[in-house]
Amino acid sequence: MYKTGYLTDYFLFSFKVSVILLSMTSQNYQRKEVLMRQKKNVTFDDIAKYTNFSKTTISRYFNNPDSLTLENQEIISKALVELNYKENKVARILANGNTEFIGIVIPNLHNHYYSEMLNQILQTYEQFGYKFLVFIGNEHADTERQYIQELLAYKIEGLIILSFTIPSKELANLH
């Protein structure tokens, strides 16, 4: 009868644990690989290869779809679903220079006038498709000035300032 000693048992146990850990590591690697493939952003190049169209045709689909035949629009549309395409807003902003953002600076939300004005402005999103960056200055002129400069740095499409703390002449000279 074969008898194992303490060290042999330990090494056999260690070997089994190592094999199990190696197996788990391999499974984790495979899971990460699948997740990485799922997280990959689908690009115009990927769509073009998938559909056998040029990147120009894919771009036309997004920017001027009427320039494509209905059949080609359907092929590209189907590919977008199959590839799980998600629009990259940052890439679009960089490509066309339009942020679609309007900045809003208001002194507070405690006053019903300002909260109602903000509510009415925000409702225009549905009508015109703009998004809003809202900053509340808490009735401090320096804070509002800081927010205005920050919004201007974002190259927003427009700026709405509801302020009683900054003089109108100063606001008129903003660039």
C-alpha atoms as a PDB file:
ATOM      1  CA  MET A   1       0.000   0.000   0.000  1.00  0.00           C
ATOM      2  CA  TYR A   2       1.266   3.441  -0.999  1.00  0.00           C
ATOM      3  CA  LYS A   3       1.594   5.769   1.914  1.00  0.00           C
ATOM      4  CA  THR A   4       2.078   9.505   1.496  1.00  0.00           C
ATOM      5  CA  GLY A   5       3.863  11.686   3.927  1.00  0.00           C
ATOM      6  CA  TYR A   6       3.061  15.178   5.116  1.00  0.00           C
ATOM      7  CA  LEU A   7       5.184  16.908   2.466  1.00  0.00           C
ATOM      8  CA  THR A   8       3.782  14.785  -0.344  1.00  0.00           C
ATOM      9  CA  ASP A   9       0.213  15.541   0.780  1.00  0.00           C
ATOM     10  CA  TYR A  10       1.057  19.238   0.968  1.00  0.00           C
ATOM     11  CA  PHE A  11       2.524  19.282  -2.541  1.00  0.00           C
ATOM     12  CA  LEU A  12      -0.426  17.312  -3.962  1.00  0.00           C
ATOM     13  CA  PHE A  13      -2.821  19.732  -2.285  1.00  0.00           C
ATOM     14  CA  SER A  14      -0.813  22.725  -3.511  1.00  0.00           C
ATOM     15  CA  PHE A  15      -0.758  21.283  -7.009  1.00  0.00           C
ATOM     16  CA  LYS A  16      -4.553  20.815  -6.996  1.00  0.00           C
ATOM     17  CA  VAL A  17      -5.070  24.346  -5.672  1.00  0.00           C
ATOM     18  CA  SER A  18      -2.683  25.699  -8.305  1.00  0.00           C
ATOM     19  CA  VAL A  19      -4.552  23.849 -11.051  1.00  0.00           C
ATOM     20  CA  ILE A  20      -7.887  25.172  -9.760  1.00  0.00           C
ATOM     21  CA  LEU A  21      -6.503  28.721  -9.542  1.00  0.00           C
ATOM     22  CA  LEU A  22      -5.003  28.420 -13.016  1.00  0.00           C
ATOM     23  CA  SER A  23      -8.365  27.203 -14.291  1.00  0.00           C
ATOM     24  CA  MET A  24     -10.163  30.099 -12.563  1.00  0.00           C
ATOM     25  CA  THR A  25      -7.607  32.560 -13.900  1.00  0.00           C
ATOM     26  CA  SER A  26      -8.158  31.203 -17.397  1.00  0.00           C
ATOM     27  CA  GLN A  27     -11.930  31.573 -16.980  1.00  0.00           C
ATOM     28  CA  ASN A  28     -11.504  35.111 -15.627  1.00  0.00           C
ATOM     29  CA  TYR A  29      -9.262  35.950 -18.581  1.00  0.00           C
ATOM     30  CA  GLN A  30     -11.902  34.637 -20.973  1.00  0.00           C
ATOM     31  CA  ARG A  31     -14.603  36.658 -19.172  1.00  0.00           C
ATOM     32  CA  LYS A  32     -12.468  39.803 -19.340  1.00  0.00           C
ATOM     33  CA  GLU A  33     -11.814  39.187 -23.019  1.00  0.00           C
ATOM     34  CA  VAL A  34     -15.568  38.889 -23.664  1.00  0.00           C
ATOM     35  CA  LEU A  35     -16.251  42.030 -21.616  1.00  0.00           C
ATOM     36  CA  MET A  36     -13.522  43.933 -23.448  1.00  0.00           C
ATOM     37  CA  ARG A  37     -15.075  42.938 -26.747  1.00  0.00           C
ATOM     38  CA  GLN A  38     -18.461  44.099 -25.471  1.00  0.00           C
ATOM     39  CA  LYS A  39     -17.065  47.411 -24.194  1.00  0.00           C
ATOM     40  CA  LYS A  40     -15.286  48.239 -27.467  1.00  0.00           C
ATOM     41  CA  ASN A  41     -16.781  51.293 -29.098  1.00  0.00           C
ATOM     42  CA  VAL A  42     -18.048  50.554 -32.576  1.00  0.00           C
ATOM     43  CA  THR A  43     -16.581  53.038 -35.046  1.00  0.00           C
ATOM     44  CA  PHE A  44     -17.606  54.157 -38.530  1.00  0.00           C
ATOM     45  CA  ASP A  45     -14.739  51.991 -39.789  1.00  0.00           C
ATOM     46  CA  ASP A  46     -16.246  48.917 -38.073  1.00  0.00           C
ATOM     47  CA  ILE A  47     -19.653  49.636 -39.583  1.00  0.00           C
ATOM     48  CA  ALA A  48     -18.114  50.179 -43.023  1.00  0.00           C
ATOM     49  CA  LYS A  49     -16.282  46.836 -42.890  1.00  0.00           C
ATOM     50  CA  TYR A  50     -19.404  45.067 -41.627  1.00  0.00           C
ATOM     51  CA  THR A  51     -21.620  46.471 -44.392  1.00  0.00           C
ATOM     52  CA  ASN A  52     -18.991  46.632 -47.185  1.00  0.00           C
ATOM     53  CA  PHE A  53     -19.731  50.343 -47.588  1.00  0.00           C
ATOM     54  CA  SER A  54     -17.170  53.134 -47.413  1.00  0.00           C
ATOM     55  CA  LYS A  55     -16.735  55.258 -44.288  1.00  0.00           C
ATOM     56  CA  THR A  56     -18.029  58.169 -46.376  1.00  0.00           C
ATOM     57  CA  THR A  57     -21.291  56.308 -46.982  1.00  0.00           C
ATOM     58  CA  ILE A  58     -21.605  55.571 -43.265  1.00  0.00           C
ATOM     59  CA  SER A  59     -20.995  59.236 -42.483  1.00  0.00           C
ATOM     60  CA  ARG A  60     -23.651  60.232 -45.019  1.00  0.00           C
ATOM     61  CA  TYR A  61     -26.088  57.901 -43.251  1.00  0.00           C
ATOM     62  CA  PHE A  62     -25.697  59.950 -40.069  1.00  0.00           C
ATOM     63  CA  ASN A  63     -25.361  63.432 -41.563  1.00  0.00           C
ATOM     64  CA  ASN A  64     -27.506  63.289 -44.695  1.00  0.00           C
ATOM     65  CA  PRO A  65     -29.505  60.042 -44.818  1.00  0.00           C
ATOM     66  CA  ASP A  66     -31.700  61.227 -47.689  1.00  0.00           C
ATOM     67  CA  SER A  67     -28.643  61.035 -49.957  1.00  0.00           C
ATOM     68  CA  LEU A  68     -28.730  57.220 -49.615  1.00  0.00           C
ATOM     69  CA  THR A  69     -31.210  54.787 -51.063  1.00  0.00           C
ATOM     70  CA  LEU A  70     -33.759  53.309 -48.677  1.00  0.00           C
ATOM     71  CA  GLU A  71     -32.165  49.891 -49.189  1.00  0.00           C
ATOM     72  CA  ASN A  72     -28.731  51.166 -48.109  1.00  0.00           C
ATOM     73  CA  GLN A  73     -30.263  52.994 -45.145  1.00  0.00           C
ATOM     74  CA  GLU A  74     -31.894  49.740 -44.033  1.00  0.00           C
ATOM     75  CA  ILE A  75     -28.641  47.776 -44.410  1.00  0.00           C
ATOM     76  CA  ILE A  76     -26.747  50.294 -42.286  1.00  0.00           C
ATOM     77  CA  SER A  77     -29.563  50.559 -39.747  1.00  0.00           C
ATOM     78  CA  LYS A  78     -29.602  46.759 -39.353  1.00  0.00           C
ATOM     79  CA  ALA A  79     -25.804  46.732 -38.922  1.00  0.00           C
ATOM     80  CA  LEU A  80     -26.027  49.357 -36.167  1.00  0.00           C
ATOM     81  CA  VAL A  81     -28.382  47.113 -34.220  1.00  0.00           C
ATOM     82  CA  GLU A  82     -26.327  43.974 -34.819  1.00  0.00           C
ATOM     83  CA  LEU A  83     -23.081  45.702 -33.805  1.00  0.00           C
ATOM     84  CA  ASN A  84     -24.760  47.344 -30.798  1.00  0.00           C
ATOM     85  CA  TYR A  85     -23.633  50.793 -31.976  1.00  0.00           C
ATOM     86  CA  LYS A  86     -23.726  53.623 -29.438  1.00  0.00           C
ATOM     87  CA  GLU A  87     -23.156  57.166 -30.629  1.00  0.00           C
ATOM     88  CA  ASN A  88     -19.959  58.786 -29.347  1.00  0.00           C
ATOM     89  CA  LYS A  89     -21.122  62.309 -28.498  1.00  0.00           C
ATOM     90  CA  VAL A  90     -17.583  63.551 -27.853  1.00  0.00           C
ATOM     91  CA  ALA A  91     -16.470  62.442 -31.319  1.00  0.00           C
ATOM     92  CA  ARG A  92     -19.476  64.157 -32.879  1.00  0.00           C
ATOM     93  CA  ILE A  93     -18.746  67.406 -31.028  1.00  0.00           C
ATOM     94  CA  LEU A  94     -15.105  67.288 -32.130  1.00  0.00           C
ATOM     95  CA  ALA A  95     -16.064  66.536 -35.726  1.00  0.00           C
ATOM     96  CA  ASN A  96     -18.680  69.231 -36.239  1.00  0.00           C
ATOM     97  CA  GLY A  97     -17.786  71.749 -33.531  1.00  0.00           C
ATOM     98  CA  ASN A  98     -21.342  71.938 -32.192  1.00  0.00           C
ATOM     99  CA  THR A  99     -21.763  71.054 -28.539  1.00  0.00           C
ATOM    100  CA  GLU A 100     -25.558  71.443 -28.502  1.00  0.00           C
ATOM    101  CA  PHE A 101     -25.147  72.857 -24.979  1.00  0.00           C
ATOM    102  CA  ILE A 102     -26.623  76.045 -23.599  1.00  0.00           C
ATOM    103  CA  GLY A 103     -25.187  77.359 -20.353  1.00  0.00           C
ATOM    104  CA  ILE A 104     -27.471  78.819 -17.713  1.00  0.00           C
ATOM    105  CA  VAL A 105     -26.345  80.813 -14.692  1.00  0.00           C
ATOM    106  CA  ILE A 106     -28.973  81.672 -12.100  1.00  0.00           C
ATOM    107  CA  PRO A 107     -28.578  83.234  -8.663  1.00  0.00           C
ATOM    108  CA  ASN A 108     -30.678  80.712  -6.718  1.00  0.00           C
ATOM    109  CA  LEU A 109     -33.564  78.285  -6.825  1.00  0.00           C
ATOM    110  CA  HIS A 110     -35.250  79.570  -3.681  1.00  0.00           C
ATOM    111  CA  ASN A 111     -36.953  82.426  -5.479  1.00  0.00           C
ATOM    112  CA  HIS A 112     -39.980  81.138  -7.379  1.00  0.00           C
ATOM    113  CA  TYR A 113     -39.209  83.473 -10.296  1.00  0.00           C
ATOM    114  CA  TYR A 114     -35.827  81.826 -10.995  1.00  0.00           C
ATOM    115  CA  SER A 115     -37.050  78.273 -10.544  1.00  0.00           C
ATOM    116  CA  GLU A 116     -39.989  78.912 -12.882  1.00  0.00           C
ATOM    117  CA  MET A 117     -37.706  80.571 -15.472  1.00  0.00           C
ATOM    118  CA  LEU A 118     -35.371  77.586 -15.304  1.00  0.00           C
ATOM    119  CA  ASN A 119     -38.306  75.195 -15.687  1.00  0.00           C
ATOM    120  CA  GLN A 120     -39.556  77.035 -18.791  1.00  0.00           C
ATOM    121  CA  ILE A 121     -36.077  77.126 -20.326  1.00  0.00           C
ATOM    122  CA  LEU A 122     -35.486  73.433 -19.716  1.00  0.00           C
ATOM    123  CA  GLN A 123     -38.764  72.576 -21.438  1.00  0.00           C
ATOM    124  CA  THR A 124     -37.347  73.950 -24.696  1.00  0.00           C
ATOM    125  CA  TYR A 125     -35.098  70.883 -24.864  1.00  0.00           C
ATOM    126  CA  GLU A 126     -37.959  68.880 -26.297  1.00  0.00           C
ATOM    127  CA  GLN A 127     -38.616  71.496 -28.953  1.00  0.00           C
ATOM    128  CA  PHE A 128     -35.065  72.396 -30.059  1.00  0.00           C
ATOM    129  CA  GLY A 129     -32.893  69.500 -28.840  1.00  0.00           C
ATOM    130  CA  TYR A 130     -30.426  71.535 -26.793  1.00  0.00           C
ATOM    131  CA  LYS A 131     -28.939  70.287 -23.551  1.00  0.00           C
ATOM    132  CA  PHE A 132     -28.359  72.593 -20.625  1.00  0.00           C
ATOM    133  CA  LEU A 133     -25.531  73.097 -18.168  1.00  0.00           C
ATOM    134  CA  VAL A 134     -27.049  74.843 -15.166  1.00  0.00           C
ATOM    135  CA  PHE A 135     -24.946  76.665 -12.582  1.00  0.00           C
ATOM    136  CA  ILE A 136     -26.363  78.239  -9.445  1.00  0.00           C
ATOM    137  CA  GLY A 137     -24.321  81.197  -8.206  1.00  0.00           C
ATOM    138  CA  ASN A 138     -25.917  81.435  -4.749  1.00  0.00           C
ATOM    139  CA  GLU A 139     -26.166  85.203  -5.226  1.00  0.00           C
ATOM    140  CA  HIS A 140     -22.351  85.647  -5.273  1.00  0.00           C
ATOM    141  CA  ALA A 141     -21.079  87.729  -8.192  1.00  0.00           C
ATOM    142  CA  ASP A 142     -17.596  86.180  -8.145  1.00  0.00           C
ATOM    143  CA  THR A 143     -19.041  82.663  -8.219  1.00  0.00           C
ATOM    144  CA  GLU A 144     -21.286  83.604 -11.141  1.00  0.00           C
ATOM    145  CA  ARG A 145     -18.327  85.146 -13.008  1.00  0.00           C
ATOM    146  CA  GLN A 146     -16.335  81.954 -12.479  1.00  0.00           C
ATOM    147  CA  TYR A 147     -19.205  79.854 -13.826  1.00  0.00           C
ATOM    148  CA  ILE A 148     -19.583  82.131 -16.851  1.00  0.00           C
ATOM    149  CA  GLN A 149     -15.886  81.808 -17.715  1.00  0.00           C
ATOM    150  CA  GLU A 150     -16.067  78.043 -17.306  1.00  0.00           C
ATOM    151  CA  LEU A 151     -19.095  77.802 -19.580  1.00  0.00           C
ATOM    152  CA  LEU A 152     -17.422  79.977 -22.219  1.00  0.00           C
ATOM    153  CA  ALA A 153     -14.382  77.671 -22.117  1.00  0.00           C
ATOM    154  CA  TYR A 154     -16.651  74.757 -23.072  1.00  0.00           C
ATOM    155  CA  LYS A 155     -17.475  76.538 -26.347  1.00  0.00           C
ATOM    156  CA  ILE A 156     -21.181  76.245 -25.657  1.00  0.00           C
ATOM    157  CA  GLU A 157     -23.779  77.286 -28.227  1.00  0.00           C
ATOM    158  CA  GLY A 158     -25.335  79.959 -26.036  1.00  0.00           C
ATOM    159  CA  LEU A 159     -25.440  81.414 -22.568  1.00  0.00           C
ATOM    160  CA  ILE A 160     -28.432  82.515 -20.492  1.00  0.00           C
ATOM    161  CA  ILE A 161     -27.563  84.565 -17.452  1.00  0.00           C
ATOM    162  CA  LEU A 162     -30.239  85.463 -14.937  1.00  0.00           C
ATOM    163  CA  SER A 163     -28.215  87.558 -12.525  1.00  0.00           C
ATOM    164  CA  PHE A 164     -28.826  90.582 -10.384  1.00  0.00           C
ATOM    165  CA  THR A 165     -25.300  90.530  -8.942  1.00  0.00           C
ATOM    166  CA  ILE A 166     -23.337  91.253 -12.150  1.00  0.00           C
ATOM    167  CA  PRO A 167     -23.892  94.638 -13.847  1.00  0.00           C
ATOM    168  CA  SER A 168     -25.510  94.581 -17.300  1.00  0.00           C
ATOM    169  CA  LYS A 169     -22.581  96.488 -18.877  1.00  0.00           C
ATOM    170  CA  GLU A 170     -20.182  93.772 -17.718  1.00  0.00           C
ATOM    171  CA  LEU A 171     -22.425  91.054 -19.134  1.00  0.00           C
ATOM    172  CA  ALA A 172     -22.669  92.905 -22.466  1.00  0.00           C
ATOM    173  CA  ASN A 173     -18.865  92.795 -22.820  1.00  0.00           C
ATOM    174  CA  LEU A 174     -18.545  89.022 -22.430  1.00  0.00           C
ATOM    175  CA  HIS A 175     -16.719  87.199 -25.221  1.00  0.00           C
END
